[in-house]
């Protein structure tokens, strides 16, 4: 019997790692799976339409109200798995990389990289904590690889959970705690009252374990 399973997520790598682990463990002679990197609106649209079974997103203590309202209006609900604290991701060679803690003011002279959410996207759709803080130098990206490469090439930075860097970028990027009271809330979205299939349940359980392993507090 052919297996089907699809996930949409924002531009974090922990959902990619989790997806691969679940697919490898499931095996099978025939399957049709899909993993989509999306904007926040894209994740909402995919899960609402049924294109994806689950969506992997994060919200912050600042964006939770607005994003929660958008999910509710789309017939979706957010399931929190873990909380983390924002970190500044920057090149291993960056002058600020050995700081015990950083502020956004300390990073003002360096380019800020972020994921573009599309025209007219509300502020609570942004994937970076404190995304609405004005910056003099900004560069928008649409994919994870470009963002990481540009951070290194331009001696820039972004604000992340630290989980993306901990899994994927090895020695090229490092993270430093950001001095802020804002919290990240990492989890997944489903259609309201949806029952998880076996593969979906495996994905959620593995995702939670991965987040607990790599999250920075």
C-alpha atoms as a PDB file:
ATOM      1  CA  UNK A   1       0.000   0.000   0.000  1.00  0.00           C
ATOM      2  CA  UNK A   2       1.396   3.408  -1.000  1.00  0.00           C
ATOM      3  CA  UNK A   3       2.120   5.854   1.822  1.00  0.00           C
ATOM      4  CA  UNK A   4       1.470   9.584   1.602  1.00  0.00           C
ATOM      5  CA  UNK A   5       2.723  12.299   3.923  1.00  0.00           C
ATOM      6  CA  UNK A   6       3.372  16.024   3.447  1.00  0.00           C
ATOM      7  CA  UNK A   7       4.764  18.801   5.623  1.00  0.00           C
ATOM      8  CA  UNK A   8       5.049  22.558   5.123  1.00  0.00           C
ATOM      9  CA  UNK A   9       7.372  24.615   7.286  1.00  0.00           C
ATOM     10  CA  UNK A  10       9.027  27.961   7.703  1.00  0.00           C
ATOM     11  CA  UNK A  11      12.727  28.211   6.934  1.00  0.00           C
ATOM     12  CA  UNK A  12      14.069  26.220   9.852  1.00  0.00           C
ATOM     13  CA  UNK A  13      16.083  23.068   9.405  1.00  0.00           C
ATOM     14  CA  UNK A  14      14.752  21.044  12.310  1.00  0.00           C
ATOM     15  CA  UNK A  15      11.630  20.086  10.364  1.00  0.00           C
ATOM     16  CA  UNK A  16      13.820  18.889   7.464  1.00  0.00           C
ATOM     17  CA  UNK A  17      15.900  16.721   9.787  1.00  0.00           C
ATOM     18  CA  UNK A  18      12.770  15.343  11.451  1.00  0.00           C
ATOM     19  CA  UNK A  19      11.112  14.610   8.102  1.00  0.00           C
ATOM     20  CA  UNK A  20      14.158  12.659   6.921  1.00  0.00           C
ATOM     21  CA  UNK A  21      14.293  10.614  10.111  1.00  0.00           C
ATOM     22  CA  UNK A  22      10.605   9.701   9.911  1.00  0.00           C
ATOM     23  CA  UNK A  23      10.816   8.759   6.220  1.00  0.00           C
ATOM     24  CA  UNK A  24      13.871   6.574   6.803  1.00  0.00           C
ATOM     25  CA  UNK A  25      12.232   4.813   9.729  1.00  0.00           C
ATOM     26  CA  UNK A  26       8.943   4.271   7.866  1.00  0.00           C
ATOM     27  CA  UNK A  27      10.585   2.584   4.858  1.00  0.00           C
ATOM     28  CA  UNK A  28       8.208   0.939   2.387  1.00  0.00           C
ATOM     29  CA  UNK A  29       8.243  -0.200  -1.234  1.00  0.00           C
ATOM     30  CA  UNK A  30       6.062   2.661  -2.432  1.00  0.00           C
ATOM     31  CA  UNK A  31       5.481   6.134  -1.007  1.00  0.00           C
ATOM     32  CA  UNK A  32       4.727   9.673  -2.126  1.00  0.00           C
ATOM     33  CA  UNK A  33       5.993  12.287   0.341  1.00  0.00           C
ATOM     34  CA  UNK A  34       6.456  16.055   0.156  1.00  0.00           C
ATOM     35  CA  UNK A  35       8.302  18.694   2.178  1.00  0.00           C
ATOM     36  CA  UNK A  36       7.752  22.373   1.387  1.00  0.00           C
ATOM     37  CA  UNK A  37       9.681  25.437   2.599  1.00  0.00           C
ATOM     38  CA  UNK A  38       7.135  28.245   2.765  1.00  0.00           C
ATOM     39  CA  UNK A  39       6.453  31.730   4.004  1.00  0.00           C
ATOM     40  CA  UNK A  40       4.192  31.855   7.026  1.00  0.00           C
ATOM     41  CA  UNK A  41       1.191  32.493   4.781  1.00  0.00           C
ATOM     42  CA  UNK A  42       2.286  29.611   2.587  1.00  0.00           C
ATOM     43  CA  UNK A  43       2.298  27.238   5.541  1.00  0.00           C
ATOM     44  CA  UNK A  44      -1.199  28.378   6.513  1.00  0.00           C
ATOM     45  CA  UNK A  45      -2.490  27.991   2.952  1.00  0.00           C
ATOM     46  CA  UNK A  46      -0.989  24.505   2.522  1.00  0.00           C
ATOM     47  CA  UNK A  47      -2.468  23.113   5.727  1.00  0.00           C
ATOM     48  CA  UNK A  48      -5.834  24.804   5.203  1.00  0.00           C
ATOM     49  CA  UNK A  49      -6.159  23.389   1.682  1.00  0.00           C
ATOM     50  CA  UNK A  50      -4.972  19.924   2.685  1.00  0.00           C
ATOM     51  CA  UNK A  51      -1.869  20.149   0.493  1.00  0.00           C
ATOM     52  CA  UNK A  52       0.100  19.455   3.673  1.00  0.00           C
ATOM     53  CA  UNK A  53      -0.890  17.384   6.680  1.00  0.00           C
ATOM     54  CA  UNK A  54       1.012  19.531   9.173  1.00  0.00           C
ATOM     55  CA  UNK A  55       2.710  22.902   9.265  1.00  0.00           C
ATOM     56  CA  UNK A  56       5.817  23.638  11.314  1.00  0.00           C
ATOM     57  CA  UNK A  57       6.050  27.229  12.542  1.00  0.00           C
ATOM     58  CA  UNK A  58       7.166  29.324  15.450  1.00  0.00           C
ATOM     59  CA  UNK A  59       5.673  32.317  17.115  1.00  0.00           C
ATOM     60  CA  UNK A  60       7.100  34.725  19.667  1.00  0.00           C
ATOM     61  CA  UNK A  61       5.630  36.175  22.814  1.00  0.00           C
ATOM     62  CA  UNK A  62       5.143  39.355  20.748  1.00  0.00           C
ATOM     63  CA  UNK A  63       3.483  37.756  17.701  1.00  0.00           C
ATOM     64  CA  UNK A  64       1.415  35.030  19.395  1.00  0.00           C
ATOM     65  CA  UNK A  65      -1.803  37.040  19.528  1.00  0.00           C
ATOM     66  CA  UNK A  66      -1.782  38.151  15.880  1.00  0.00           C
ATOM     67  CA  UNK A  67      -0.591  34.839  14.490  1.00  0.00           C
ATOM     68  CA  UNK A  68      -3.046  32.944  16.671  1.00  0.00           C
ATOM     69  CA  UNK A  69      -5.906  35.034  15.278  1.00  0.00           C
ATOM     70  CA  UNK A  70      -4.761  34.377  11.697  1.00  0.00           C
ATOM     71  CA  UNK A  71      -4.586  30.634  12.342  1.00  0.00           C
ATOM     72  CA  UNK A  72      -8.012  30.631  13.968  1.00  0.00           C
ATOM     73  CA  UNK A  73      -9.518  32.501  11.014  1.00  0.00           C
ATOM     74  CA  UNK A  74      -8.045  29.854   8.690  1.00  0.00           C
ATOM     75  CA  UNK A  75      -9.520  27.001  10.739  1.00  0.00           C
ATOM     76  CA  UNK A  76      -6.153  25.971  12.138  1.00  0.00           C
ATOM     77  CA  UNK A  77      -4.691  25.580  15.610  1.00  0.00           C
ATOM     78  CA  UNK A  78      -1.145  25.863  16.940  1.00  0.00           C
ATOM     79  CA  UNK A  79       0.312  23.121  19.132  1.00  0.00           C
ATOM     80  CA  UNK A  80       3.290  24.342  21.132  1.00  0.00           C
ATOM     81  CA  UNK A  81       6.080  21.816  21.654  1.00  0.00           C
ATOM     82  CA  UNK A  82       8.857  23.821  23.271  1.00  0.00           C
ATOM     83  CA  UNK A  83      10.023  27.329  24.100  1.00  0.00           C
ATOM     84  CA  UNK A  84      13.422  28.774  23.326  1.00  0.00           C
ATOM     85  CA  UNK A  85      15.219  32.095  23.510  1.00  0.00           C
ATOM     86  CA  UNK A  86      16.343  34.197  20.527  1.00  0.00           C
ATOM     87  CA  UNK A  87      19.997  34.145  19.513  1.00  0.00           C
ATOM     88  CA  UNK A  88      22.056  36.175  17.080  1.00  0.00           C
ATOM     89  CA  UNK A  89      23.472  34.006  14.275  1.00  0.00           C
ATOM     90  CA  UNK A  90      26.690  35.358  12.780  1.00  0.00           C
ATOM     91  CA  UNK A  91      29.867  34.114  11.055  1.00  0.00           C
ATOM     92  CA  UNK A  92      32.455  32.264  13.102  1.00  0.00           C
ATOM     93  CA  UNK A  93      34.939  35.000  12.109  1.00  0.00           C
ATOM     94  CA  UNK A  94      32.678  37.900  13.149  1.00  0.00           C
ATOM     95  CA  UNK A  95      34.159  40.476  15.586  1.00  0.00           C
ATOM     96  CA  UNK A  96      31.190  40.001  17.961  1.00  0.00           C
ATOM     97  CA  UNK A  97      31.179  36.210  17.959  1.00  0.00           C
ATOM     98  CA  UNK A  98      32.858  35.850  21.362  1.00  0.00           C
ATOM     99  CA  UNK A  99      30.440  38.115  23.213  1.00  0.00           C
ATOM    100  CA  UNK A 100      28.601  36.601  26.178  1.00  0.00           C
ATOM    101  CA  UNK A 101      25.421  38.372  25.077  1.00  0.00           C
ATOM    102  CA  UNK A 102      24.478  40.792  22.303  1.00  0.00           C
ATOM    103  CA  UNK A 103      21.984  43.598  21.798  1.00  0.00           C
ATOM    104  CA  UNK A 104      20.519  44.720  18.494  1.00  0.00           C
ATOM    105  CA  UNK A 105      22.179  48.099  19.082  1.00  0.00           C
ATOM    106  CA  UNK A 106      25.573  46.382  19.144  1.00  0.00           C
ATOM    107  CA  UNK A 107      24.805  44.885  15.722  1.00  0.00           C
ATOM    108  CA  UNK A 108      23.621  48.129  14.133  1.00  0.00           C
ATOM    109  CA  UNK A 109      26.613  48.484  11.786  1.00  0.00           C
ATOM    110  CA  UNK A 110      26.242  44.987  10.315  1.00  0.00           C
ATOM    111  CA  UNK A 111      23.785  43.818   7.598  1.00  0.00           C
ATOM    112  CA  UNK A 112      20.649  42.133   8.928  1.00  0.00           C
ATOM    113  CA  UNK A 113      19.438  39.118   6.928  1.00  0.00           C
ATOM    114  CA  UNK A 114      15.835  37.946   7.121  1.00  0.00           C
ATOM    115  CA  UNK A 115      13.297  35.804   5.295  1.00  0.00           C
ATOM    116  CA  UNK A 116      10.991  37.747   2.998  1.00  0.00           C
ATOM    117  CA  UNK A 117       7.317  37.070   3.731  1.00  0.00           C
ATOM    118  CA  UNK A 118       5.872  38.669   0.629  1.00  0.00           C
ATOM    119  CA  UNK A 119       4.183  41.978  -0.043  1.00  0.00           C
ATOM    120  CA  UNK A 120       1.895  43.345   2.664  1.00  0.00           C
ATOM    121  CA  UNK A 121       2.627  40.487   5.103  1.00  0.00           C
ATOM    122  CA  UNK A 122       1.657  41.491   8.654  1.00  0.00           C
ATOM    123  CA  UNK A 123       4.483  41.947  11.164  1.00  0.00           C
ATOM    124  CA  UNK A 124       3.424  38.874  13.122  1.00  0.00           C
ATOM    125  CA  UNK A 125       4.190  36.670  10.093  1.00  0.00           C
ATOM    126  CA  UNK A 126       7.921  37.370  10.224  1.00  0.00           C
ATOM    127  CA  UNK A 127      10.116  34.415  11.209  1.00  0.00           C
ATOM    128  CA  UNK A 128      12.656  36.426  13.189  1.00  0.00           C
ATOM    129  CA  UNK A 129      12.094  37.691  16.714  1.00  0.00           C
ATOM    130  CA  UNK A 130      12.156  41.501  16.985  1.00  0.00           C
ATOM    131  CA  UNK A 131      11.756  41.721  13.205  1.00  0.00           C
ATOM    132  CA  UNK A 132      10.047  45.123  13.350  1.00  0.00           C
ATOM    133  CA  UNK A 133      12.975  46.888  15.026  1.00  0.00           C
ATOM    134  CA  UNK A 134      14.245  49.489  12.503  1.00  0.00           C
ATOM    135  CA  UNK A 135      17.612  48.663  10.910  1.00  0.00           C
ATOM    136  CA  UNK A 136      19.771  50.713   8.544  1.00  0.00           C
ATOM    137  CA  UNK A 137      21.100  47.710   6.578  1.00  0.00           C
ATOM    138  CA  UNK A 138      18.723  44.898   5.646  1.00  0.00           C
ATOM    139  CA  UNK A 139      18.775  42.090   3.083  1.00  0.00           C
ATOM    140  CA  UNK A 140      15.739  39.921   2.351  1.00  0.00           C
ATOM    141  CA  UNK A 141      16.127  36.291   1.325  1.00  0.00           C
ATOM    142  CA  UNK A 142      13.698  33.602   0.240  1.00  0.00           C
ATOM    143  CA  UNK A 143      15.666  30.454   1.024  1.00  0.00           C
ATOM    144  CA  UNK A 144      17.768  29.103   3.868  1.00  0.00           C
ATOM    145  CA  UNK A 145      20.955  28.439   1.875  1.00  0.00           C
ATOM    146  CA  UNK A 146      21.143  31.973   0.484  1.00  0.00           C
ATOM    147  CA  UNK A 147      20.613  33.508   3.900  1.00  0.00           C
ATOM    148  CA  UNK A 148      23.395  31.444   5.482  1.00  0.00           C
ATOM    149  CA  UNK A 149      25.812  32.119   2.625  1.00  0.00           C
ATOM    150  CA  UNK A 150      25.158  35.859   2.674  1.00  0.00           C
ATOM    151  CA  UNK A 151      25.635  36.097   6.427  1.00  0.00           C
ATOM    152  CA  UNK A 152      29.125  34.672   5.981  1.00  0.00           C
ATOM    153  CA  UNK A 153      29.994  36.598   2.806  1.00  0.00           C
ATOM    154  CA  UNK A 154      28.796  39.963   4.128  1.00  0.00           C
ATOM    155  CA  UNK A 155      29.721  39.583   7.798  1.00  0.00           C
ATOM    156  CA  UNK A 156      26.039  39.947   8.599  1.00  0.00           C
ATOM    157  CA  UNK A 157      23.660  38.420  11.094  1.00  0.00           C
ATOM    158  CA  UNK A 158      20.138  37.231  11.674  1.00  0.00           C
ATOM    159  CA  UNK A 159      18.042  36.427  14.729  1.00  0.00           C
ATOM    160  CA  UNK A 160      17.191  32.770  15.146  1.00  0.00           C
ATOM    161  CA  UNK A 161      16.378  30.111  17.694  1.00  0.00           C
ATOM    162  CA  UNK A 162      19.906  28.730  17.467  1.00  0.00           C
ATOM    163  CA  UNK A 163      18.435  25.395  16.422  1.00  0.00           C
ATOM    164  CA  UNK A 164      18.991  26.004  12.699  1.00  0.00           C
ATOM    165  CA  UNK A 165      22.661  26.710  13.234  1.00  0.00           C
ATOM    166  CA  UNK A 166      23.189  23.923  15.728  1.00  0.00           C
ATOM    167  CA  UNK A 167      22.063  21.290  13.245  1.00  0.00           C
ATOM    168  CA  UNK A 168      23.171  22.532   9.861  1.00  0.00           C
ATOM    169  CA  UNK A 169      25.845  25.122   9.546  1.00  0.00           C
ATOM    170  CA  UNK A 170      28.666  23.635  11.584  1.00  0.00           C
ATOM    171  CA  UNK A 171      31.685  25.892  11.879  1.00  0.00           C
ATOM    172  CA  UNK A 172      30.493  28.534   9.398  1.00  0.00           C
ATOM    173  CA  UNK A 173      27.947  30.146  11.732  1.00  0.00           C
ATOM    174  CA  UNK A 174      27.827  30.597  15.470  1.00  0.00           C
ATOM    175  CA  UNK A 175      25.120  31.904  17.793  1.00  0.00           C
ATOM    176  CA  UNK A 176      25.266  34.312  20.724  1.00  0.00           C
ATOM    177  CA  UNK A 177      22.377  34.918  23.161  1.00  0.00           C
ATOM    178  CA  UNK A 178      20.303  38.020  22.409  1.00  0.00           C
ATOM    179  CA  UNK A 179      19.578  40.320  25.334  1.00  0.00           C
ATOM    180  CA  UNK A 180      15.764  40.308  25.246  1.00  0.00           C
ATOM    181  CA  UNK A 181      12.754  39.135  27.218  1.00  0.00           C
ATOM    182  CA  UNK A 182      11.066  37.820  24.049  1.00  0.00           C
ATOM    183  CA  UNK A 183      10.505  34.059  23.927  1.00  0.00           C
ATOM    184  CA  UNK A 184      10.177  31.745  20.934  1.00  0.00           C
ATOM    185  CA  UNK A 185       7.344  29.204  20.883  1.00  0.00           C
ATOM    186  CA  UNK A 186       8.082  26.340  18.510  1.00  0.00           C
ATOM    187  CA  UNK A 187       5.455  23.894  17.362  1.00  0.00           C
ATOM    188  CA  UNK A 188       3.139  22.747  14.609  1.00  0.00           C
ATOM    189  CA  UNK A 189      -0.262  23.589  13.167  1.00  0.00           C
ATOM    190  CA  UNK A 190      -3.125  21.339  12.108  1.00  0.00           C
ATOM    191  CA  UNK A 191      -6.653  21.798  10.953  1.00  0.00           C
ATOM    192  CA  UNK A 192      -8.957  22.162  13.942  1.00  0.00           C
ATOM    193  CA  UNK A 193      -9.989  18.842  15.496  1.00  0.00           C
ATOM    194  CA  UNK A 194      -7.811  16.916  13.033  1.00  0.00           C
ATOM    195  CA  UNK A 195      -6.720  13.448  14.083  1.00  0.00           C
ATOM    196  CA  UNK A 196      -3.067  12.643  13.434  1.00  0.00           C
ATOM    197  CA  UNK A 197      -2.237   9.673  11.233  1.00  0.00           C
ATOM    198  CA  UNK A 198       0.480   7.245  12.302  1.00  0.00           C
ATOM    199  CA  UNK A 199       3.144   9.020  10.246  1.00  0.00           C
ATOM    200  CA  UNK A 200       2.011  12.425  11.454  1.00  0.00           C
ATOM    201  CA  UNK A 201       2.166  11.284  15.074  1.00  0.00           C
ATOM    202  CA  UNK A 202       5.657   9.888  14.531  1.00  0.00           C
ATOM    203  CA  UNK A 203       6.722  13.190  13.009  1.00  0.00           C
ATOM    204  CA  UNK A 204       5.382  15.217  15.941  1.00  0.00           C
ATOM    205  CA  UNK A 205       7.050  12.958  18.507  1.00  0.00           C
ATOM    206  CA  UNK A 206      10.395  13.045  16.695  1.00  0.00           C
ATOM    207  CA  UNK A 207      10.123  16.808  16.173  1.00  0.00           C
ATOM    208  CA  UNK A 208       9.623  17.354  19.897  1.00  0.00           C
ATOM    209  CA  UNK A 209      12.653  15.198  20.715  1.00  0.00           C
ATOM    210  CA  UNK A 210      14.807  17.074  18.212  1.00  0.00           C
ATOM    211  CA  UNK A 211      13.714  20.431  19.560  1.00  0.00           C
ATOM    212  CA  UNK A 212      14.476  19.373  23.112  1.00  0.00           C
ATOM    213  CA  UNK A 213      17.905  18.182  22.009  1.00  0.00           C
ATOM    214  CA  UNK A 214      18.973  21.283  20.124  1.00  0.00           C
ATOM    215  CA  UNK A 215      17.014  24.148  21.693  1.00  0.00           C
ATOM    216  CA  UNK A 216      18.998  26.872  23.457  1.00  0.00           C
ATOM    217  CA  UNK A 217      17.653  28.452  26.627  1.00  0.00           C
END
